[in-house]
């Protein structure tokens, strides 16, 4: 009897296990989480989480145009680290290219470079880099200096007299290589994204859960005015956050604000509007505060950290991830804030990023309001 009972118990156990397997295999969402998420995370994190710098756009200003300068330039172009964007002549063009953000490094050969190296056994090369991101600037200088040293070593092997090529390094915008210059714009974009999205989503979902949203909607006000009135306090509070971050940055971290304060606040207002609109959309699509909290926190934190350019260089990611980063509002706001605060750039050079951010804000606000009206009907 005991053996029969044990056998029946085992059959029940295995039948329950088999039933659970059937449930899992029939549920496509569960299968996607079990098998799709690990693959996606490994691929995204494996390609995105890297501090290695590759294919950096640089310019060359060759006043010598002699065999030695051309050989070094060819070695720079042949490496995987640099892509020569263009060849410039004047320092004004170089400074303009840095402010536009199109280059990260400039290589400048003085006149009679080869003659100084041949007759004086020593020559200088100037390396100018954008130090608004100090980690990237140091890495690029080390790469360029290594290529120059390799060329110098080859010369010394062929000649009995030792040659010396001395890189003269100039760090633009952040000569002391302070990390706060890159840290503050990134933290601003991250904090505003999380606070605006999360607070707006939770606020509206709370009204829906308690049943007070229906009372508001039957009032004489239009639904759009109700939603906008819910977001205005968070817009004002977020701008106060911007003021507090800037005060702490300037007076405690010695981060300058070289550009227009009014432009910085206007761009911040635009970014906050986009974030609030995204929070409205999440609140409309979710039914509970817990769901809204999870989506707004986890769904916004990882894209902002990974694809804004704050922590990891976007240029080093595969092309699909670079394309994906373009839909992250924090990427464009980070570029804008860093350009205004550190480089002193004006709207004339930031119009493209501003238009993209404006288009995102309008798009998110439009689909949020339309989704809300459809839900009510």
Protein backbone atom coordinates (compact mmCIF):
# COMPACT_ATOMS: atom_id res chain seq x y z
CA UNK A 1 0.00 0.00 0.00
CA UNK A 2 2.82 2.39 0.87
CA UNK A 3 4.54 1.77 -2.44
CA UNK A 4 1.29 2.36 -4.32
CA UNK A 5 0.66 5.56 -2.38
CA UNK A 6 4.22 6.77 -3.01
CA UNK A 7 3.89 6.00 -6.72
CA UNK A 8 0.59 7.90 -6.90
CA UNK A 9 2.19 10.87 -5.08
CA UNK A 10 5.10 10.90 -7.53
CA UNK A 11 2.71 10.83 -10.47
CA UNK A 12 0.82 13.78 -9.00
CA UNK A 13 4.07 15.69 -8.49
CA UNK A 14 5.28 15.12 -12.05
CA UNK A 15 1.85 15.95 -13.45
CA UNK A 16 1.96 19.29 -11.64
CA UNK A 17 5.46 19.95 -12.96
CA UNK A 18 4.30 19.06 -16.48
CA UNK A 19 1.29 21.34 -16.10
CA UNK A 20 3.53 24.26 -15.09
CA UNK A 21 5.76 23.61 -18.09
CA UNK A 22 2.69 23.76 -20.34
CA UNK A 23 1.62 27.05 -18.77
CA UNK A 24 5.07 28.57 -19.24
CA UNK A 25 5.42 27.38 -22.83
CA UNK A 26 2.00 28.75 -23.77
CA UNK A 27 2.69 32.16 -22.22
CA UNK A 28 4.71 34.13 -24.78
CA UNK A 29 5.39 36.99 -22.38
CA UNK A 30 6.97 34.62 -19.87
CA UNK A 31 9.10 33.02 -22.58
CA UNK A 32 10.22 36.45 -23.73
CA UNK A 33 11.31 37.35 -20.19
CA UNK A 34 13.03 34.01 -19.63
CA UNK A 35 14.98 33.81 -22.89
CA UNK A 36 14.77 37.18 -24.60
CA UNK A 37 15.79 39.43 -21.72
CA UNK A 38 19.13 37.70 -20.92
CA UNK A 39 20.13 37.74 -24.59
CA UNK A 40 19.15 41.39 -25.00
CA UNK A 41 20.95 42.45 -21.83
CA UNK A 42 24.13 40.60 -22.72
CA UNK A 43 24.21 42.14 -26.19
CA UNK A 44 23.35 45.68 -25.07
CA UNK A 45 25.59 45.74 -22.01
CA UNK A 46 28.38 43.96 -23.84
CA UNK A 47 28.50 46.57 -26.59
CA UNK A 48 27.44 49.68 -24.67
CA UNK A 49 29.31 49.36 -21.38
CA UNK A 50 32.80 50.22 -22.56
CA UNK A 51 35.11 53.13 -21.94
CA UNK A 52 37.30 52.26 -24.91
CA UNK A 53 37.55 55.08 -27.44
CA UNK A 54 37.45 54.22 -31.15
CA UNK A 55 36.90 56.02 -34.44
CA UNK A 56 37.19 59.45 -32.86
CA UNK A 57 36.87 62.32 -35.30
CA UNK A 58 39.97 64.51 -35.38
CA UNK A 59 41.36 67.30 -37.55
CA UNK A 60 44.90 67.91 -38.74
CA UNK A 61 46.44 71.34 -39.22
CA UNK A 62 49.70 70.71 -41.07
CA UNK A 63 51.74 73.91 -41.49
CA UNK A 64 54.80 71.87 -42.47
CA UNK A 65 53.36 69.48 -45.08
CA UNK A 66 56.63 67.58 -45.19
CA UNK A 67 57.43 63.83 -45.24
CA UNK A 68 57.57 63.49 -41.44
CA UNK A 69 54.26 65.23 -40.81
CA UNK A 70 52.57 63.23 -43.57
CA UNK A 71 53.84 59.92 -42.17
CA UNK A 72 52.52 60.68 -38.70
CA UNK A 73 49.19 61.78 -40.16
CA UNK A 74 48.97 58.55 -42.16
CA UNK A 75 49.64 56.53 -39.01
CA UNK A 76 46.89 58.39 -37.18
CA UNK A 77 44.44 57.71 -40.01
CA UNK A 78 45.44 54.03 -40.22
CA UNK A 79 44.75 53.38 -36.53
CA UNK A 80 41.36 52.26 -35.24
CA UNK A 81 41.31 55.11 -32.77
CA UNK A 82 41.05 58.10 -35.09
CA UNK A 83 39.12 59.19 -38.17
CA UNK A 84 40.50 62.33 -39.81
CA UNK A 85 37.44 64.52 -40.31
CA UNK A 86 39.11 67.29 -42.26
CA UNK A 87 42.29 69.30 -42.56
CA UNK A 88 42.16 72.82 -41.15
CA UNK A 89 44.60 75.68 -41.32
CA UNK A 90 43.69 78.42 -38.87
CA UNK A 91 43.23 78.17 -35.12
CA UNK A 92 39.88 79.92 -35.48
CA UNK A 93 38.57 77.04 -37.61
CA UNK A 94 39.83 74.55 -35.04
CA UNK A 95 38.11 76.36 -32.17
CA UNK A 96 34.88 76.54 -34.16
CA UNK A 97 35.04 72.79 -34.86
CA UNK A 98 35.46 72.07 -31.14
CA UNK A 99 32.49 74.26 -30.23
CA UNK A 100 30.34 72.55 -32.85
CA UNK A 101 31.23 69.24 -31.22
CA UNK A 102 32.27 67.66 -34.51
CA UNK A 103 35.80 66.80 -33.34
CA UNK A 104 37.49 65.66 -30.13
CA UNK A 105 41.17 66.15 -31.02
CA UNK A 106 43.28 68.44 -33.20
CA UNK A 107 46.80 67.58 -34.37
CA UNK A 108 48.91 70.61 -35.29
CA UNK A 109 52.30 70.42 -37.02
CA UNK A 110 54.44 73.59 -36.90
CA UNK A 111 56.18 74.92 -39.98
CA UNK A 112 59.48 73.20 -40.87
CA UNK A 113 58.65 70.20 -38.69
CA UNK A 114 60.85 67.76 -40.61
CA UNK A 115 63.74 70.24 -40.79
CA UNK A 116 63.67 70.76 -37.02
CA UNK A 117 63.66 67.00 -36.52
CA UNK A 118 66.49 66.36 -38.99
CA UNK A 119 68.86 69.19 -38.01
CA UNK A 120 67.94 69.83 -34.40
CA UNK A 121 67.05 66.21 -33.55
CA UNK A 122 63.94 67.51 -31.80
CA UNK A 123 60.49 68.77 -32.86
CA UNK A 124 57.17 69.56 -31.27
CA UNK A 125 53.62 68.56 -32.11
CA UNK A 126 50.65 70.29 -30.54
CA UNK A 127 47.73 68.15 -29.41
CA UNK A 128 44.53 70.05 -28.61
CA UNK A 129 41.66 68.07 -27.14
CA UNK A 130 38.16 68.71 -25.82
CA UNK A 131 38.54 68.25 -22.07
CA UNK A 132 34.88 68.83 -21.23
CA UNK A 133 34.97 65.03 -20.90
CA UNK A 134 38.31 64.57 -19.07
CA UNK A 135 38.40 60.78 -19.29
CA UNK A 136 37.99 60.77 -23.06
CA UNK A 137 40.50 63.62 -23.41
CA UNK A 138 43.18 61.74 -21.47
CA UNK A 139 42.54 58.57 -23.44
CA UNK A 140 42.85 60.36 -26.80
CA UNK A 141 46.07 62.10 -25.78
CA UNK A 142 47.54 58.77 -24.67
CA UNK A 143 46.58 57.12 -27.99
CA UNK A 144 48.04 59.95 -30.06
CA UNK A 145 51.21 60.11 -27.96
CA UNK A 146 51.68 56.37 -28.33
CA UNK A 147 51.51 56.60 -32.14
CA UNK A 148 54.01 59.48 -32.10
CA UNK A 149 56.35 57.51 -29.83
CA UNK A 150 56.20 54.51 -32.16
CA UNK A 151 57.22 56.70 -35.09
CA UNK A 152 60.02 58.22 -33.00
CA UNK A 153 61.27 54.74 -32.04
CA UNK A 154 61.43 53.71 -35.70
CA UNK A 155 63.48 56.81 -36.52
CA UNK A 156 65.90 56.05 -33.71
CA UNK A 157 66.37 52.50 -35.00
CA UNK A 158 67.38 53.81 -38.43
CA UNK A 159 69.70 56.59 -37.23
CA UNK A 160 72.53 56.67 -34.73
CA UNK A 161 71.51 60.11 -33.42
CA UNK A 162 68.42 59.94 -31.17
CA UNK A 163 65.41 61.92 -32.32
CA UNK A 164 62.85 63.42 -29.99
CA UNK A 165 59.25 64.35 -30.87
CA UNK A 166 57.62 66.20 -28.00
CA UNK A 167 53.80 66.41 -27.88
CA UNK A 168 52.62 69.72 -26.48
CA UNK A 169 49.19 69.03 -24.97
CA UNK A 170 46.49 71.66 -24.56
CA UNK A 171 43.22 70.79 -22.82
CA UNK A 172 40.36 73.01 -23.96
CA UNK A 173 37.52 74.08 -21.64
CA UNK A 174 38.81 72.07 -18.68
CA UNK A 175 42.58 72.46 -18.31
CA UNK A 176 42.60 71.03 -14.78
CA UNK A 177 40.68 67.94 -15.96
CA UNK A 178 38.03 68.19 -13.25
CA UNK A 179 35.50 65.39 -13.40
CA UNK A 180 32.68 67.68 -12.27
CA UNK A 181 32.67 69.40 -15.66
CA UNK A 182 31.30 66.21 -17.20
CA UNK A 183 29.51 64.97 -14.09
CA UNK A 184 27.19 67.94 -13.50
CA UNK A 185 25.49 68.01 -16.97
CA UNK A 186 24.99 64.25 -16.81
CA UNK A 187 23.49 64.38 -13.32
CA UNK A 188 21.17 67.21 -14.38
CA UNK A 189 19.81 65.16 -17.27
CA UNK A 190 19.43 62.05 -15.09
CA UNK A 191 17.77 63.75 -12.10
CA UNK A 192 15.31 65.76 -14.16
CA UNK A 193 14.35 62.71 -16.22
CA UNK A 194 13.67 60.49 -13.18
CA UNK A 195 11.98 63.12 -11.02
CA UNK A 196 9.73 64.52 -13.73
CA UNK A 197 8.66 61.19 -15.20
CA UNK A 198 8.21 59.38 -11.90
CA UNK A 199 6.40 62.15 -10.02
CA UNK A 200 4.00 62.90 -12.86
CA UNK A 201 3.19 59.25 -13.46
CA UNK A 202 2.55 58.54 -9.78
CA UNK A 203 0.50 61.69 -9.25
CA UNK A 204 -2.04 60.93 -11.98
CA UNK A 205 -2.22 57.20 -11.27
CA UNK A 206 -2.94 57.99 -7.62
CA UNK A 207 -5.94 60.06 -8.69
CA UNK A 208 -7.16 57.15 -10.82
CA UNK A 209 -6.72 54.62 -8.02
CA UNK A 210 -8.61 56.69 -5.46
CA UNK A 211 -11.38 57.50 -7.94
CA UNK A 212 -10.92 61.26 -7.72
CA UNK A 213 -9.80 61.53 -11.35
CA UNK A 214 -13.38 60.88 -12.53
CA UNK A 215 -14.59 63.68 -10.28
CA UNK A 216 -12.05 66.04 -11.81
CA UNK A 217 -13.00 65.05 -15.32
CA UNK A 218 -16.69 65.74 -14.84
CA UNK A 219 -15.87 69.27 -13.73
CA UNK A 220 -16.32 72.17 -16.19
CA UNK A 221 -12.63 72.01 -17.11
CA UNK A 222 -11.54 70.12 -20.20
CA UNK A 223 -9.48 66.94 -19.66
CA UNK A 224 -6.44 68.57 -21.24
CA UNK A 225 -6.56 71.44 -18.73
CA UNK A 226 -6.84 68.97 -15.86
CA UNK A 227 -3.77 67.09 -17.02
CA UNK A 228 -1.75 70.24 -17.70
CA UNK A 229 -2.69 71.67 -14.30
CA UNK A 230 -1.37 68.49 -12.67
CA UNK A 231 2.02 68.91 -14.36
CA UNK A 232 2.63 72.65 -13.87
CA UNK A 233 3.68 72.29 -10.17
CA UNK A 234 6.25 69.69 -11.18
CA UNK A 235 7.54 71.99 -13.91
CA UNK A 236 8.11 74.76 -11.36
CA UNK A 237 9.65 72.40 -8.80
CA UNK A 238 11.96 70.93 -11.45
CA UNK A 239 13.17 74.41 -12.39
CA UNK A 240 13.92 74.99 -8.72
CA UNK A 241 15.95 71.78 -8.86
CA UNK A 242 17.88 73.23 -11.81
CA UNK A 243 18.65 76.36 -9.77
CA UNK A 244 19.85 74.34 -6.78
CA UNK A 245 22.05 72.11 -8.96
CA UNK A 246 23.62 75.12 -10.66
CA UNK A 247 24.27 76.90 -7.34
CA UNK A 248 25.94 73.83 -5.87
CA UNK A 249 27.94 73.28 -9.05
CA UNK A 250 29.22 76.85 -9.29
CA UNK A 251 29.97 77.55 -5.63
CA UNK A 252 30.99 74.12 -4.35
CA UNK A 253 32.32 72.25 -7.39
CA UNK A 254 33.78 75.25 -9.28
CA UNK A 255 31.96 74.33 -12.47
CA UNK A 256 31.61 77.46 -14.64
CA UNK A 257 28.57 78.60 -16.56
CA UNK A 258 30.29 80.13 -19.58
CA UNK A 259 27.15 80.48 -21.71
CA UNK A 260 23.81 82.19 -21.35
CA UNK A 261 21.86 81.46 -18.17
CA UNK A 262 18.60 82.34 -19.90
CA UNK A 263 19.34 79.90 -22.73
CA UNK A 264 20.18 77.20 -20.20
CA UNK A 265 16.86 77.71 -18.40
CA UNK A 266 14.94 77.77 -21.68
CA UNK A 267 16.52 74.47 -22.76
CA UNK A 268 15.88 73.00 -19.31
CA UNK A 269 12.22 74.00 -19.52
CA UNK A 270 11.98 72.28 -22.90
CA UNK A 271 13.59 69.11 -21.55
CA UNK A 272 11.39 69.11 -18.44
CA UNK A 273 8.30 69.47 -20.64
CA UNK A 274 9.35 66.41 -22.65
CA UNK A 275 9.92 64.41 -19.45
CA UNK A 276 6.58 65.47 -17.96
CA UNK A 277 4.82 64.48 -21.18
CA UNK A 278 6.46 61.07 -20.99
CA UNK A 279 5.27 60.76 -17.39
CA UNK A 280 1.71 61.58 -18.48
CA UNK A 281 1.87 58.89 -21.13
CA UNK A 282 3.07 56.28 -18.61
CA UNK A 283 0.34 57.27 -16.17
CA UNK A 284 -2.32 56.84 -18.84
CA UNK A 285 -1.08 53.40 -19.85
CA UNK A 286 -0.75 52.04 -16.28
CA UNK A 287 -3.42 51.27 -13.70
CA UNK A 288 -1.43 51.19 -10.44
CA UNK A 289 1.19 53.32 -8.75
CA UNK A 290 3.50 50.32 -8.45
CA UNK A 291 3.43 49.72 -12.19
CA UNK A 292 4.00 53.40 -12.91
CA UNK A 293 6.91 53.49 -10.44
CA UNK A 294 8.55 50.42 -11.97
CA UNK A 295 8.25 51.63 -15.55
CA UNK A 296 9.33 55.19 -14.83
CA UNK A 297 12.27 54.19 -12.63
CA UNK A 298 13.69 51.13 -14.36
CA UNK A 299 12.51 52.01 -17.85
CA UNK A 300 14.05 55.50 -17.74
CA UNK A 301 17.15 54.92 -15.59
CA UNK A 302 18.97 52.46 -17.85
CA UNK A 303 18.41 54.29 -21.17
CA UNK A 304 19.42 57.61 -19.60
CA UNK A 305 22.62 56.20 -18.10
CA UNK A 306 23.60 54.08 -21.09
CA UNK A 307 22.55 56.15 -24.11
CA UNK A 308 22.96 59.77 -23.01
CA UNK A 309 26.74 59.82 -23.49
CA UNK A 310 27.17 60.68 -19.82
CA UNK A 311 28.77 57.41 -18.72
CA UNK A 312 29.75 55.69 -21.97
CA UNK A 313 30.80 57.23 -25.30
CA UNK A 314 28.03 56.73 -27.85
CA UNK A 315 30.51 56.89 -30.76
CA UNK A 316 32.03 53.58 -29.65
CA UNK A 317 28.74 51.68 -29.70
CA UNK A 318 27.51 49.65 -32.69
CA UNK A 319 25.46 51.58 -35.24
CA UNK A 320 22.07 50.12 -34.14
CA UNK A 321 22.69 51.32 -30.57
CA UNK A 322 23.82 54.72 -31.84
CA UNK A 323 20.55 55.01 -33.74
CA UNK A 324 18.62 53.89 -30.66
CA UNK A 325 20.29 56.58 -28.55
CA UNK A 326 18.71 59.27 -30.74
CA UNK A 327 15.27 58.64 -29.20
CA UNK A 328 16.57 59.25 -25.67
CA UNK A 329 15.84 62.90 -24.72
CA UNK A 330 18.65 62.90 -22.15
CA UNK A 331 21.25 62.53 -24.90
CA UNK A 332 20.31 65.84 -26.51
CA UNK A 333 19.89 67.67 -23.22
CA UNK A 334 23.30 66.46 -22.03
CA UNK A 335 24.91 67.83 -25.21
CA UNK A 336 23.10 71.14 -24.76
CA UNK A 337 23.96 71.61 -21.08
CA UNK A 338 27.61 70.67 -21.52
CA UNK A 339 27.94 72.97 -24.52
CA UNK A 340 26.36 75.94 -22.74
CA UNK A 341 28.03 75.53 -19.36
CA UNK A 342 31.51 74.34 -20.32
CA UNK A 343 32.05 75.58 -23.88
CA UNK A 344 29.94 78.74 -23.74
CA UNK A 345 28.10 77.76 -26.92
CA UNK A 346 25.05 79.73 -28.04
CA UNK A 347 21.84 78.83 -29.81
CA UNK A 348 23.48 79.32 -33.21
CA UNK A 349 25.40 76.06 -32.71
CA UNK A 350 22.71 74.24 -30.70
CA UNK A 351 19.71 74.76 -32.96
CA UNK A 352 19.68 71.15 -34.18
CA UNK A 353 19.63 69.66 -30.66
CA UNK A 354 17.02 72.22 -29.61
CA UNK A 355 14.73 71.35 -32.52
CA UNK A 356 15.05 67.63 -31.79
CA UNK A 357 14.19 68.17 -28.13
CA UNK A 358 11.27 70.41 -29.09
CA UNK A 359 9.96 67.79 -31.52
CA UNK A 360 10.18 65.14 -28.81
CA UNK A 361 8.28 67.32 -26.33
CA UNK A 362 5.51 68.07 -28.84
CA UNK A 363 5.26 64.43 -29.93
CA UNK A 364 5.10 63.05 -26.37
CA UNK A 365 2.58 65.66 -25.27
CA UNK A 366 0.38 65.02 -28.31
CA UNK A 367 0.26 61.23 -27.98
CA UNK A 368 -0.28 61.53 -24.21
CA UNK A 369 -3.29 63.81 -24.56
CA UNK A 370 -4.74 61.75 -27.40
CA UNK A 371 -4.33 58.53 -25.44
CA UNK A 372 -6.00 60.09 -22.44
CA UNK A 373 -9.04 61.24 -24.45
CA UNK A 374 -9.39 57.85 -26.13
CA UNK A 375 -9.33 56.15 -22.76
CA UNK A 376 -12.13 58.35 -21.45
CA UNK A 377 -14.34 57.62 -24.40
